[in-house]
């Protein structure tokens, strides 16, 4: 019985939305400055930037926003979150997290954040609207393979968060190894070749996003 080692790669090739790309925003609006007797002028709280906890966003991945909040006076700051999906405000969403089930590939998402201290509101932070990109395919966990004599069989099961159609192919495969392009089923008769054998299974979705699975047999 040959030993099969399968390693899932964390790197997928796709055009994602990265934290730095969505941190840019404007803070236009009217801040409130309140003067209380004997205390001097209050400085309204500000939001300098807002970034995502997860650097890549696609369907199924929650958007968790981390704002950089500043208040000159050291007052406690309260934040109001206003999420927009395709131009419509999601009135029921008022937390720093937007569930990954609320949007799909191609949707437009924007976020406004309103800071306030006990004296009043500061300038609204208008996050740049962005489009939810295509998600890369994902290989299943705990994949197994088998040898029956010299015959090797392995199904590289995968799924796509956007339910796109998938296409499988091999890279650097041993001579005679084949893969069924729609199911990911691999068959190979080892013959007299000696190992170990290294090759890659690549799954691509209909929008061109790819994920690679390195495979080692024997050794």
Foldseek 3Di string as FASTA:
>chain_A
DWDKDWDFDPDWDDDFAFFVNFFDWDQDDDFDWDDDPPPGIFDAKDWPTKTFPDGGFAQQDKTAIDTDIDGPVPFDKDKWKWKDKQRHTPVVDTHRIDGSNVDHAFIKIWMKMWIGGPRGIGTIITTDIDGHHFFAKAWDPPWDWDDDDQKTKGWRDIQGSRRFQKFKDKAQFPPAWDADGRGRIIIGRNPPDDDFGKIKMWMAGPVGMITIMIMTMHD
